PDB file of N, CA and C in Angstrom:
ATOM      1  N   MET A   1      97.480  44.705 -18.446  1.00  0.00           N
ATOM      2  CA  MET A   1      96.981  44.807 -19.805  1.00  0.00           C
ATOM      3  C   MET A   1      95.494  44.478 -19.798  1.00  0.00           C
ATOM      4  N   ALA A   2      94.692  45.348 -20.323  1.00  0.00           N
ATOM      5  CA  ALA A   2      93.238  45.150 -20.360  1.00  0.00           C
ATOM      6  C   ALA A   2      92.837  44.260 -21.535  1.00  0.00           C
ATOM      7  N   TYR A   3      91.606  43.821 -21.487  1.00  0.00           N
ATOM      8  CA  TYR A   3      91.017  43.124 -22.620  1.00  0.00           C
ATOM      9  C   TYR A   3      90.267  44.154 -23.458  1.00  0.00           C
ATOM     10  N   ILE A   4      90.163  43.890 -24.753  1.00  0.00           N
ATOM     11  CA  ILE A   4      89.593  44.835 -25.710  1.00  0.00           C
ATOM     12  C   ILE A   4      88.502  44.135 -26.505  1.00  0.00           C
ATOM     13  N   ILE A   5      87.366  44.812 -26.644  1.00  0.00           N
ATOM     14  CA  ILE A   5      86.313  44.308 -27.536  1.00  0.00           C
ATOM     15  C   ILE A   5      86.516  44.983 -28.883  1.00  0.00           C
ATOM     16  N   THR A   6      86.627  44.173 -29.917  1.00  0.00           N
ATOM     17  CA  THR A   6      86.873  44.692 -31.268  1.00  0.00           C
ATOM     18  C   THR A   6      85.563  44.840 -32.040  1.00  0.00           C
ATOM     19  N   ARG A   7      85.682  45.378 -33.219  1.00  0.00           N
ATOM     20  CA  ARG A   7      84.494  45.590 -34.064  1.00  0.00           C
ATOM     21  C   ARG A   7      83.834  44.293 -34.497  1.00  0.00           C
ATOM     22  N   LEU A   8      84.451  43.148 -34.215  1.00  0.00           N
ATOM     23  CA  LEU A   8      83.767  41.879 -34.475  1.00  0.00           C
ATOM     24  C   LEU A   8      82.478  41.783 -33.663  1.00  0.00           C
ATOM     25  N   CYS A   9      82.340  42.611 -32.652  1.00  0.00           N
ATOM     26  CA  CYS A   9      81.131  42.658 -31.818  1.00  0.00           C
ATOM     27  C   CYS A   9      80.033  43.528 -32.452  1.00  0.00           C
ATOM     28  N   THR A  10      80.410  44.381 -33.403  1.00  0.00           N
ATOM     29  CA  THR A  10      79.456  45.327 -33.985  1.00  0.00           C
ATOM     30  C   THR A  10      78.232  44.612 -34.524  1.00  0.00           C
ATOM     31  N   ASP A  11      77.083  45.063 -34.073  1.00  0.00           N
ATOM     32  CA  ASP A  11      75.767  44.533 -34.451  1.00  0.00           C
ATOM     33  C   ASP A  11      75.544  43.095 -33.988  1.00  0.00           C
ATOM     34  N   CYS A  12      76.464  42.522 -33.245  1.00  0.00           N
ATOM     35  CA  CYS A  12      76.292  41.169 -32.714  1.00  0.00           C
ATOM     36  C   CYS A  12      75.894  41.247 -31.244  1.00  0.00           C
ATOM     37  N   ARG A  13      76.639  41.993 -30.490  1.00  0.00           N
ATOM     38  CA  ARG A  13      76.342  42.349 -29.109  1.00  0.00           C
ATOM     39  C   ARG A  13      75.792  41.237 -28.237  1.00  0.00           C
ATOM     40  N   ASP A  14      76.424  40.112 -28.243  1.00  0.00           N
ATOM     41  CA  ASP A  14      76.058  39.057 -27.306  1.00  0.00           C
ATOM     42  C   ASP A  14      76.610  39.457 -25.946  1.00  0.00           C
ATOM     43  N   THR A  15      75.845  39.305 -24.905  1.00  0.00           N
ATOM     44  CA  THR A  15      76.280  39.779 -23.587  1.00  0.00           C
ATOM     45  C   THR A  15      76.812  38.663 -22.682  1.00  0.00           C
ATOM     46  N   ALA A  16      77.196  37.548 -23.261  1.00  0.00           N
ATOM     47  CA  ALA A  16      77.775  36.471 -22.456  1.00  0.00           C
ATOM     48  C   ALA A  16      79.018  36.967 -21.727  1.00  0.00           C
ATOM     49  N   CYS A  17      79.753  37.876 -22.344  1.00  0.00           N
ATOM     50  CA  CYS A  17      80.953  38.428 -21.706  1.00  0.00           C
ATOM     51  C   CYS A  17      80.590  39.238 -20.458  1.00  0.00           C
ATOM     52  N   ALA A  18      79.542  40.033 -20.554  1.00  0.00           N
ATOM     53  CA  ALA A  18      79.099  40.851 -19.412  1.00  0.00           C
ATOM     54  C   ALA A  18      78.598  39.953 -18.281  1.00  0.00           C
ATOM     55  N   ASP A  19      78.031  38.830 -18.632  1.00  0.00           N
ATOM     56  CA  ASP A  19      77.491  37.910 -17.638  1.00  0.00           C
ATOM     57  C   ASP A  19      78.592  37.330 -16.753  1.00  0.00           C
ATOM     58  N   VAL A  20      79.800  37.176 -17.288  1.00  0.00           N
ATOM     59  CA  VAL A  20      80.887  36.562 -16.529  1.00  0.00           C
ATOM     60  C   VAL A  20      81.894  37.570 -15.971  1.00  0.00           C
ATOM     61  N   CYS A  21      81.693  38.845 -16.244  1.00  0.00           N
ATOM     62  CA  CYS A  21      82.637  39.868 -15.780  1.00  0.00           C
ATOM     63  C   CYS A  21      82.409  40.164 -14.299  1.00  0.00           C
ATOM     64  N   PRO A  22      83.401  39.903 -13.452  1.00  0.00           N
ATOM     65  CA  PRO A  22      83.206  40.101 -12.016  1.00  0.00           C
ATOM     66  C   PRO A  22      83.213  41.560 -11.569  1.00  0.00           C
ATOM     67  N   VAL A  23      83.694  42.467 -12.425  1.00  0.00           N
ATOM     68  CA  VAL A  23      83.777  43.876 -12.030  1.00  0.00           C
ATOM     69  C   VAL A  23      82.864  44.783 -12.859  1.00  0.00           C
ATOM     70  N   GLU A  24      82.037  44.178 -13.700  1.00  0.00           N
ATOM     71  CA  GLU A  24      81.082  44.936 -14.533  1.00  0.00           C
ATOM     72  C   GLU A  24      81.760  46.067 -15.297  1.00  0.00           C
ATOM     73  N   CYS A  25      82.813  45.730 -16.040  1.00  0.00           N
ATOM     74  CA  CYS A  25      83.537  46.742 -16.810  1.00  0.00           C
ATOM     75  C   CYS A  25      83.177  46.717 -18.286  1.00  0.00           C
ATOM     76  N   ILE A  26      82.120  45.996 -18.644  1.00  0.00           N
ATOM     77  CA  ILE A  26      81.682  45.920 -20.034  1.00  0.00           C
ATOM     78  C   ILE A  26      80.451  46.809 -20.179  1.00  0.00           C
ATOM     79  N   TYR A  27      80.541  47.727 -21.135  1.00  0.00           N
ATOM     80  CA  TYR A  27      79.539  48.781 -21.272  1.00  0.00           C
ATOM     81  C   TYR A  27      78.878  48.772 -22.647  1.00  0.00           C
ATOM     82  N   GLU A  28      77.695  49.399 -22.689  1.00  0.00           N
ATOM     83  CA  GLU A  28      76.976  49.624 -23.937  1.00  0.00           C
ATOM     84  C   GLU A  28      76.534  51.072 -23.974  1.00  0.00           C
ATOM     85  N   ARG A  29      76.322  51.590 -25.165  1.00  0.00           N
ATOM     86  CA  ARG A  29      75.851  52.973 -25.337  1.00  0.00           C
ATOM     87  C   ARG A  29      74.468  53.114 -24.764  1.00  0.00           C
ATOM     88  N   GLN A  30      74.218  54.235 -24.124  1.00  0.00           N
ATOM     89  CA  GLN A  30      72.888  54.487 -23.571  1.00  0.00           C
ATOM     90  C   GLN A  30      71.920  54.965 -24.639  1.00  0.00           C
ATOM     91  N   SER A  31      72.428  55.536 -25.727  1.00  0.00           N
ATOM     92  CA  SER A  31      71.555  55.986 -26.813  1.00  0.00           C
ATOM     93  C   SER A  31      72.172  55.573 -28.141  1.00  0.00           C
ATOM     94  N   ALA A  32      71.366  55.579 -29.168  1.00  0.00           N
ATOM     95  CA  ALA A  32      71.816  55.116 -30.480  1.00  0.00           C
ATOM     96  C   ALA A  32      72.503  56.215 -31.292  1.00  0.00           C
ATOM     97  N   ASP A  33      72.424  57.456 -30.832  1.00  0.00           N
ATOM     98  CA  ASP A  33      73.019  58.539 -31.608  1.00  0.00           C
ATOM     99  C   ASP A  33      74.523  58.613 -31.392  1.00  0.00           C
ATOM    100  N   GLY A  34      75.197  59.382 -32.214  1.00  0.00           N
ATOM    101  CA  GLY A  34      76.629  59.569 -32.054  1.00  0.00           C
ATOM    102  C   GLY A  34      77.442  58.723 -33.006  1.00  0.00           C
ATOM    103  N   ASP A  35      78.731  58.761 -32.807  1.00  0.00           N
ATOM    104  CA  ASP A  35      79.664  58.098 -33.706  1.00  0.00           C
ATOM    105  C   ASP A  35      80.111  56.722 -33.218  1.00  0.00           C
ATOM    106  N   TRP A  36      79.442  56.208 -32.199  1.00  0.00           N
ATOM    107  CA  TRP A  36      79.855  54.940 -31.623  1.00  0.00           C
ATOM    108  C   TRP A  36      79.217  53.772 -32.367  1.00  0.00           C
ATOM    109  N   ALA A  37      80.000  52.740 -32.594  1.00  0.00           N
ATOM    110  CA  ALA A  37      79.479  51.529 -33.231  1.00  0.00           C
ATOM    111  C   ALA A  37      78.523  50.823 -32.271  1.00  0.00           C
ATOM    112  N   ASN A  38      77.583  50.094 -32.830  1.00  0.00           N
ATOM    113  CA  ASN A  38      76.620  49.314 -32.059  1.00  0.00           C
ATOM    114  C   ASN A  38      77.315  48.045 -31.572  1.00  0.00           C
ATOM    115  N   GLN A  39      78.087  48.215 -30.508  1.00  0.00           N
ATOM    116  CA  GLN A  39      78.825  47.090 -29.949  1.00  0.00           C
ATOM    117  C   GLN A  39      79.029  47.333 -28.471  1.00  0.00           C
ATOM    118  N   LEU A  40      79.596  46.374 -27.799  1.00  0.00           N
ATOM    119  CA  LEU A  40      79.964  46.516 -26.403  1.00  0.00           C
ATOM    120  C   LEU A  40      81.411  47.003 -26.332  1.00  0.00           C
ATOM    121  N   TYR A  41      81.763  47.594 -25.194  1.00  0.00           N
ATOM    122  CA  TYR A  41      83.110  48.109 -24.973  1.00  0.00           C
ATOM    123  C   TYR A  41      83.569  47.710 -23.581  1.00  0.00           C
ATOM    124  N   ILE A  42      84.864  47.485 -23.426  1.00  0.00           N
ATOM    125  CA  ILE A  42      85.446  47.240 -22.111  1.00  0.00           C
ATOM    126  C   ILE A  42      86.121  48.524 -21.661  1.00  0.00           C
ATOM    127  N   ASN A  43      85.846  48.916 -20.426  1.00  0.00           N
ATOM    128  CA  ASN A  43      86.542  50.057 -19.852  1.00  0.00           C
ATOM    129  C   ASN A  43      87.904  49.550 -19.373  1.00  0.00           C
ATOM    130  N   PRO A  44      88.987  49.898 -20.088  1.00  0.00           N
ATOM    131  CA  PRO A  44      90.307  49.365 -19.734  1.00  0.00           C
ATOM    132  C   PRO A  44      90.782  49.797 -18.347  1.00  0.00           C
ATOM    133  N   ASP A  45      90.262  50.910 -17.851  1.00  0.00           N
ATOM    134  CA  ASP A  45      90.647  51.375 -16.519  1.00  0.00           C
ATOM    135  C   ASP A  45      90.027  50.521 -15.411  1.00  0.00           C
ATOM    136  N   GLU A  46      88.979  49.796 -15.730  1.00  0.00           N
ATOM    137  CA  GLU A  46      88.285  48.961 -14.746  1.00  0.00           C
ATOM    138  C   GLU A  46      88.580  47.478 -14.908  1.00  0.00           C
ATOM    139  N   CYS A  47      89.048  47.088 -16.076  1.00  0.00           N
ATOM    140  CA  CYS A  47      89.321  45.676 -16.362  1.00  0.00           C
ATOM    141  C   CYS A  47      90.428  45.166 -15.447  1.00  0.00           C
ATOM    142  N   ILE A  48      90.190  44.004 -14.839  1.00  0.00           N
ATOM    143  CA  ILE A  48      91.184  43.410 -13.933  1.00  0.00           C
ATOM    144  C   ILE A  48      91.910  42.220 -14.573  1.00  0.00           C
ATOM    145  N   ASP A  49      91.764  42.071 -15.872  1.00  0.00           N
ATOM    146  CA  ASP A  49      92.449  41.006 -16.611  1.00  0.00           C
ATOM    147  C   ASP A  49      92.135  39.614 -16.084  1.00  0.00           C
ATOM    148  N   CYS A  50      90.897  39.395 -15.706  1.00  0.00           N
ATOM    149  CA  CYS A  50      90.516  38.098 -15.141  1.00  0.00           C
ATOM    150  C   CYS A  50      90.429  37.005 -16.203  1.00  0.00           C
ATOM    151  N   THR A  51      90.349  37.383 -17.455  1.00  0.00           N
ATOM    152  CA  THR A  51      90.271  36.497 -18.628  1.00  0.00           C
ATOM    153  C   THR A  51      88.901  35.860 -18.843  1.00  0.00           C
ATOM    154  N   ASN A  52      87.914  36.142 -18.016  1.00  0.00           N
ATOM    155  CA  ASN A  52      86.602  35.497 -18.146  1.00  0.00           C
ATOM    156  C   ASN A  52      85.890  35.854 -19.446  1.00  0.00           C
ATOM    157  N   CYS A  53      86.030  37.089 -19.894  1.00  0.00           N
ATOM    158  CA  CYS A  53      85.248  37.561 -21.037  1.00  0.00           C
ATOM    159  C   CYS A  53      85.665  36.927 -22.360  1.00  0.00           C
ATOM    160  N   GLU A  54      86.957  36.754 -22.552  1.00  0.00           N
ATOM    161  CA  GLU A  54      87.452  36.273 -23.846  1.00  0.00           C
ATOM    162  C   GLU A  54      86.833  34.934 -24.256  1.00  0.00           C
ATOM    163  N   PRO A  55      86.905  33.893 -23.439  1.00  0.00           N
ATOM    164  CA  PRO A  55      86.308  32.626 -23.867  1.00  0.00           C
ATOM    165  C   PRO A  55      84.780  32.647 -23.865  1.00  0.00           C
ATOM    166  N   ALA A  56      84.177  33.592 -23.150  1.00  0.00           N
ATOM    167  CA  ALA A  56      82.712  33.658 -23.096  1.00  0.00           C
ATOM    168  C   ALA A  56      82.112  34.273 -24.350  1.00  0.00           C
ATOM    169  N   CYS A  57      82.893  35.051 -25.089  1.00  0.00           N
ATOM    170  CA  CYS A  57      82.373  35.737 -26.273  1.00  0.00           C
ATOM    171  C   CYS A  57      82.184  34.750 -27.426  1.00  0.00           C
ATOM    172  N   PRO A  58      80.930  34.474 -27.811  1.00  0.00           N
ATOM    173  CA  PRO A  58      80.707  33.505 -28.885  1.00  0.00           C
ATOM    174  C   PRO A  58      81.101  34.038 -30.268  1.00  0.00           C
ATOM    175  N   TRP A  59      81.308  35.355 -30.384  1.00  0.00           N
ATOM    176  CA  TRP A  59      81.704  35.962 -31.659  1.00  0.00           C
ATOM    177  C   TRP A  59      83.221  36.067 -31.789  1.00  0.00           C
ATOM    178  N   ARG A  60      83.940  35.698 -30.718  1.00  0.00           N
ATOM    179  CA  ARG A  60      85.405  35.763 -30.682  1.00  0.00           C
ATOM    180  C   ARG A  60      85.911  37.169 -30.989  1.00  0.00           C
ATOM    181  N   ALA A  61      85.252  38.145 -30.373  1.00  0.00           N
ATOM    182  CA  ALA A  61      85.540  39.562 -30.614  1.00  0.00           C
ATOM    183  C   ALA A  61      86.438  40.182 -29.560  1.00  0.00           C
ATOM    184  N   ILE A  62      86.821  39.425 -28.539  1.00  0.00           N
ATOM    185  CA  ILE A  62      87.579  39.977 -27.419  1.00  0.00           C
ATOM    186  C   ILE A  62      88.996  39.400 -27.412  1.00  0.00           C
ATOM    187  N   PHE A  63      89.952  40.325 -27.216  1.00  0.00           N
ATOM    188  CA  PHE A  63      91.362  39.941 -27.205  1.00  0.00           C
ATOM    189  C   PHE A  63      92.072  40.652 -26.059  1.00  0.00           C
ATOM    190  N   GLU A  64      93.126  40.025 -25.549  1.00  0.00           N
ATOM    191  CA  GLU A  64      94.005  40.719 -24.622  1.00  0.00           C
ATOM    192  C   GLU A  64      94.641  41.876 -25.412  1.00  0.00           C
ATOM    193  N   GLU A  65      94.801  43.010 -24.772  1.00  0.00           N
ATOM    194  CA  GLU A  65      95.237  44.216 -25.480  1.00  0.00           C
ATOM    195  C   GLU A  65      96.475  44.009 -26.347  1.00  0.00           C
ATOM    196  N   ASP A  66      97.465  43.322 -25.845  1.00  0.00           N
ATOM    197  CA  ASP A  66      98.687  43.136 -26.641  1.00  0.00           C
ATOM    198  C   ASP A  66      98.572  42.013 -27.672  1.00  0.00           C
ATOM    199  N   GLU A  67      97.396  41.403 -27.772  1.00  0.00           N
ATOM    200  CA  GLU A  67      97.174  40.352 -28.763  1.00  0.00           C
ATOM    201  C   GLU A  67      96.081  40.723 -29.777  1.00  0.00           C
ATOM    202  N   VAL A  68      95.631  41.966 -29.754  1.00  0.00           N
ATOM    203  CA  VAL A  68      94.620  42.403 -30.723  1.00  0.00           C
ATOM    204  C   VAL A  68      95.245  42.317 -32.115  1.00  0.00           C
ATOM    205  N   PRO A  69      94.589  41.631 -33.049  1.00  0.00           N
ATOM    206  CA  PRO A  69      95.141  41.534 -34.404  1.00  0.00           C
ATOM    207  C   PRO A  69      95.345  42.913 -35.032  1.00  0.00           C
ATOM    208  N   ALA A  70      96.335  43.029 -35.898  1.00  0.00           N
ATOM    209  CA  ALA A  70      96.666  44.309 -36.544  1.00  0.00           C
ATOM    210  C   ALA A  70      95.442  44.948 -37.187  1.00  0.00           C
ATOM    211  N   LEU A  71      94.592  44.137 -37.769  1.00  0.00           N
ATOM    212  CA  LEU A  71      93.380  44.616 -38.431  1.00  0.00           C
ATOM    213  C   LEU A  71      92.471  45.405 -37.492  1.00  0.00           C
ATOM    214  N   PHE A  72      92.536  45.119 -36.201  1.00  0.00           N
ATOM    215  CA  PHE A  72      91.633  45.738 -35.224  1.00  0.00           C
ATOM    216  C   PHE A  72      92.354  46.658 -34.239  1.00  0.00           C
ATOM    217  N   GLN A  73      93.563  47.093 -34.565  1.00  0.00           N
ATOM    218  CA  GLN A  73      94.335  47.927 -33.647  1.00  0.00           C
ATOM    219  C   GLN A  73      93.615  49.216 -33.249  1.00  0.00           C
ATOM    220  N   GLU A  74      92.875  49.826 -34.164  1.00  0.00           N
ATOM    221  CA  GLU A  74      92.195  51.081 -33.809  1.00  0.00           C
ATOM    222  C   GLU A  74      91.089  50.853 -32.779  1.00  0.00           C
ATOM    223  N   ASP A  75      90.636  49.623 -32.631  1.00  0.00           N
ATOM    224  CA  ASP A  75      89.607  49.319 -31.634  1.00  0.00           C
ATOM    225  C   ASP A  75      90.141  49.464 -30.211  1.00  0.00           C
ATOM    226  N   ILE A  76      91.440  49.351 -30.047  1.00  0.00           N
ATOM    227  CA  ILE A  76      92.036  49.567 -28.717  1.00  0.00           C
ATOM    228  C   ILE A  76      91.723  50.992 -28.279  1.00  0.00           C
ATOM    229  N   GLY A  77      91.973  51.943 -29.161  1.00  0.00           N
ATOM    230  CA  GLY A  77      91.705  53.343 -28.852  1.00  0.00           C
ATOM    231  C   GLY A  77      90.244  53.613 -28.571  1.00  0.00           C
ATOM    232  N   LEU A  78      89.353  52.918 -29.257  1.00  0.00           N
ATOM    233  CA  LEU A  78      87.914  53.121 -29.023  1.00  0.00           C
ATOM    234  C   LEU A  78      87.515  52.696 -27.620  1.00  0.00           C
ATOM    235  N   ASN A  79      88.097  51.607 -27.127  1.00  0.00           N
ATOM    236  CA  ASN A  79      87.780  51.171 -25.772  1.00  0.00           C
ATOM    237  C   ASN A  79      88.292  52.192 -24.751  1.00  0.00           C
ATOM    238  N   TYR A  80      89.472  52.766 -24.998  1.00  0.00           N
ATOM    239  CA  TYR A  80      89.986  53.807 -24.104  1.00  0.00           C
ATOM    240  C   TYR A  80      89.155  55.094 -24.228  1.00  0.00           C
ATOM    241  N   LYS A  81      88.732  55.397 -25.436  1.00  0.00           N
ATOM    242  CA  LYS A  81      87.883  56.585 -25.640  1.00  0.00           C
ATOM    243  C   LYS A  81      86.555  56.416 -24.900  1.00  0.00           C
ATOM    244  N   MET A  82      86.025  55.199 -24.893  1.00  0.00           N
ATOM    245  CA  MET A  82      84.795  54.933 -24.148  1.00  0.00           C
ATOM    246  C   MET A  82      84.980  55.276 -22.681  1.00  0.00           C
ATOM    247  N   ALA A  83      86.117  54.917 -22.126  1.00  0.00           N
ATOM    248  CA  ALA A  83      86.387  55.209 -20.718  1.00  0.00           C
ATOM    249  C   ALA A  83      86.383  56.716 -20.466  1.00  0.00           C
ATOM    250  N   GLU A  84      86.871  57.473 -21.428  1.00  0.00           N
ATOM    251  CA  GLU A  84      86.887  58.940 -21.310  1.00  0.00           C
ATOM    252  C   GLU A  84      85.490  59.538 -21.428  1.00  0.00           C
ATOM    253  N   ASN A  85      84.572  58.804 -22.026  1.00  0.00           N
ATOM    254  CA  ASN A  85      83.199  59.267 -22.237  1.00  0.00           C
ATOM    255  C   ASN A  85      82.213  58.380 -21.483  1.00  0.00           C
ATOM    256  N   ALA A  86      82.610  57.894 -20.335  1.00  0.00           N
ATOM    257  CA  ALA A  86      81.831  56.909 -19.583  1.00  0.00           C
ATOM    258  C   ALA A  86      80.410  57.356 -19.280  1.00  0.00           C
ATOM    259  N   SER A  87      80.175  58.648 -19.168  1.00  0.00           N
ATOM    260  CA  SER A  87      78.821  59.123 -18.849  1.00  0.00           C
ATOM    261  C   SER A  87      77.825  58.822 -19.967  1.00  0.00           C
ATOM    262  N   GLU A  88      78.321  58.528 -21.150  1.00  0.00           N
ATOM    263  CA  GLU A  88      77.452  58.203 -22.278  1.00  0.00           C
ATOM    264  C   GLU A  88      77.129  56.710 -22.353  1.00  0.00           C
ATOM    265  N   PHE A  89      77.671  55.938 -21.426  1.00  0.00           N
ATOM    266  CA  PHE A  89      77.541  54.486 -21.446  1.00  0.00           C
ATOM    267  C   PHE A  89      76.949  53.987 -20.140  1.00  0.00           C
ATOM    268  N   ALA A  90      76.443  52.763 -20.182  1.00  0.00           N
ATOM    269  CA  ALA A  90      75.934  52.093 -18.983  1.00  0.00           C
ATOM    270  C   ALA A  90      76.497  50.676 -18.980  1.00  0.00           C
ATOM    271  N   VAL A  91      76.608  50.107 -17.797  1.00  0.00           N
ATOM    272  CA  VAL A  91      77.048  48.719 -17.706  1.00  0.00           C
ATOM    273  C   VAL A  91      76.102  47.879 -18.570  1.00  0.00           C
ATOM    274  N   ALA A  92      76.661  47.014 -19.368  1.00  0.00           N
ATOM    275  CA  ALA A  92      75.864  46.203 -20.290  1.00  0.00           C
ATOM    276  C   ALA A  92      74.846  45.352 -19.539  1.00  0.00           C
ATOM    277  N   THR A  93      73.637  45.375 -20.029  1.00  0.00           N
ATOM    278  CA  THR A  93      72.564  44.553 -19.490  1.00  0.00           C
ATOM    279  C   THR A  93      72.683  43.154 -20.080  1.00  0.00           C
ATOM    280  N   VAL A  94      72.712  42.163 -19.237  1.00  0.00           N
ATOM    281  CA  VAL A  94      72.827  40.781 -19.711  1.00  0.00           C
ATOM    282  C   VAL A  94      71.486  40.346 -20.283  1.00  0.00           C
ATOM    283  N   LYS A  95      71.538  39.903 -21.533  1.00  0.00           N
ATOM    284  CA  LYS A  95      70.351  39.397 -22.221  1.00  0.00           C
ATOM    285  C   LYS A  95      70.685  38.004 -22.731  1.00  0.00           C
ATOM    286  N   LYS A  96      69.893  37.042 -22.353  1.00  0.00           N
ATOM    287  CA  LYS A  96      70.129  35.662 -22.799  1.00  0.00           C
ATOM    288  C   LYS A  96      69.537  35.475 -24.192  1.00  0.00           C
ATOM    289  N   GLY A  97      70.282  34.837 -25.038  1.00  0.00           N
ATOM    290  CA  GLY A  97      69.824  34.556 -26.389  1.00  0.00           C
ATOM    291  C   GLY A  97      70.589  33.368 -26.944  1.00  0.00           C
ATOM    292  N   ALA A  98      70.252  32.999 -28.141  1.00  0.00           N
ATOM    293  CA  ALA A  98      70.922  31.877 -28.788  1.00  0.00           C
ATOM    294  C   ALA A  98      72.311  32.298 -29.230  1.00  0.00           C
ATOM    295  N   ALA A  99      73.279  31.455 -28.991  1.00  0.00           N
ATOM    296  CA  ALA A  99      74.640  31.713 -29.439  1.00  0.00           C
ATOM    297  C   ALA A  99      74.701  31.574 -30.958  1.00  0.00           C
ATOM    298  N   PRO A 100      75.609  32.301 -31.588  1.00  0.00           N
ATOM    299  CA  PRO A 100      75.731  32.186 -33.043  1.00  0.00           C
ATOM    300  C   PRO A 100      76.281  30.820 -33.441  1.00  0.00           C
ATOM    301  N   THR A 101      75.952  30.418 -34.633  1.00  0.00           N
ATOM    302  CA  THR A 101      76.523  29.189 -35.178  1.00  0.00           C
ATOM    303  C   THR A 101      77.943  29.479 -35.659  1.00  0.00           C
ATOM    304  N   GLU A 102      78.706  28.460 -35.886  1.00  0.00           N
ATOM    305  CA  GLU A 102      80.060  28.644 -36.425  1.00  0.00           C
ATOM    306  C   GLU A 102      80.006  29.333 -37.783  1.00  0.00           C
ATOM    307  N   ALA A 103      79.000  29.017 -38.590  1.00  0.00           N
ATOM    308  CA  ALA A 103      78.853  29.663 -39.900  1.00  0.00           C
ATOM    309  C   ALA A 103      78.616  31.167 -39.739  1.00  0.00           C
ATOM    310  N   GLN A 104      77.819  31.555 -38.754  1.00  0.00           N
ATOM    311  CA  GLN A 104      77.581  32.982 -38.512  1.00  0.00           C
ATOM    312  C   GLN A 104      78.860  33.683 -38.053  1.00  0.00           C
ATOM    313  N   VAL A 105      79.627  33.023 -37.215  1.00  0.00           N
ATOM    314  CA  VAL A 105      80.899  33.603 -36.760  1.00  0.00           C
ATOM    315  C   VAL A 105      81.835  33.788 -37.949  1.00  0.00           C
ATOM    316  N   GLN A 106      81.924  32.780 -38.802  1.00  0.00           N
ATOM    317  CA  GLN A 106      82.804  32.871 -39.970  1.00  0.00           C
ATOM    318  C   GLN A 106      82.341  33.957 -40.938  1.00  0.00           C
ATOM    319  N   THR A 107      81.028  34.112 -41.105  1.00  0.00           N
ATOM    320  CA  THR A 107      80.491  35.182 -41.950  1.00  0.00           C
ATOM    321  C   THR A 107      80.858  36.539 -41.375  1.00  0.00           C
ATOM    322  N   ASN A 108      80.789  36.659 -40.053  1.00  0.00           N
ATOM    323  CA  ASN A 108      81.165  37.904 -39.398  1.00  0.00           C
ATOM    324  C   ASN A 108      82.659  38.187 -39.615  1.00  0.00           C
ATOM    325  N   PHE A 109      83.499  37.175 -39.488  1.00  0.00           N
ATOM    326  CA  PHE A 109      84.942  37.344 -39.759  1.00  0.00           C
ATOM    327  C   PHE A 109      85.145  37.852 -41.178  1.00  0.00           C
ATOM    328  N   SER A 110      84.396  37.291 -42.122  1.00  0.00           N
ATOM    329  CA  SER A 110      84.536  37.654 -43.530  1.00  0.00           C
ATOM    330  C   SER A 110      84.193  39.111 -43.790  1.00  0.00           C
ATOM    331  N   LYS A 111      83.242  39.665 -43.032  1.00  0.00           N
ATOM    332  CA  LYS A 111      82.869  41.084 -43.197  1.00  0.00           C
ATOM    333  C   LYS A 111      84.086  41.994 -43.034  1.00  0.00           C
ATOM    334  N   TYR A 112      85.015  41.560 -42.193  1.00  0.00           N
ATOM    335  CA  TYR A 112      86.194  42.364 -41.899  1.00  0.00           C
ATOM    336  C   TYR A 112      87.459  41.798 -42.528  1.00  0.00           C
ATOM    337  N   ASN A 113      87.296  40.782 -43.367  1.00  0.00           N
ATOM    338  CA  ASN A 113      88.419  40.120 -44.004  1.00  0.00           C
ATOM    339  C   ASN A 113      89.420  39.610 -42.962  1.00  0.00           C
ATOM    340  N   TYR A 114      88.857  39.105 -41.863  1.00  0.00           N
ATOM    341  CA  TYR A 114      89.666  38.604 -40.752  1.00  0.00           C
ATOM    342  C   TYR A 114      89.843  37.105 -40.890  1.00  0.00           C
ATOM    343  N   LYS A 115      91.083  36.679 -40.844  1.00  0.00           N
ATOM    344  CA  LYS A 115      91.415  35.260 -40.921  1.00  0.00           C
ATOM    345  C   LYS A 115      92.286  34.917 -39.715  1.00  0.00           C
ATOM    346  N   PRO A 116      91.655  34.400 -38.654  1.00  0.00           N
ATOM    347  CA  PRO A 116      92.441  34.090 -37.441  1.00  0.00           C
ATOM    348  C   PRO A 116      93.472  33.004 -37.664  1.00  0.00           C
TER     349      PRO A 116
END
């Protein structure tokens, strides 16, 4: 079972998850055009289920595939679709920045009416 990055990553794009991924299966869009959200994606075909990414994500946007909340179920398909369109993506570049505050994380949850 792969790990899935949900839309909780949209416009947040912290790369702490990419920094700890031993197989570099976390990708970002190479260009801003198209129908893809501004977020990171995990290639489920490359994910080895190491579990490193989930606790590293300060936005709490990553879930094991069978534990993705119902609200974000369509995000599973987006990660698989990314794998089918891999030529449009590149391995995420790790960029160090300040982690979000708990208030910012909660505000992000509220955007999607997500209550963990």
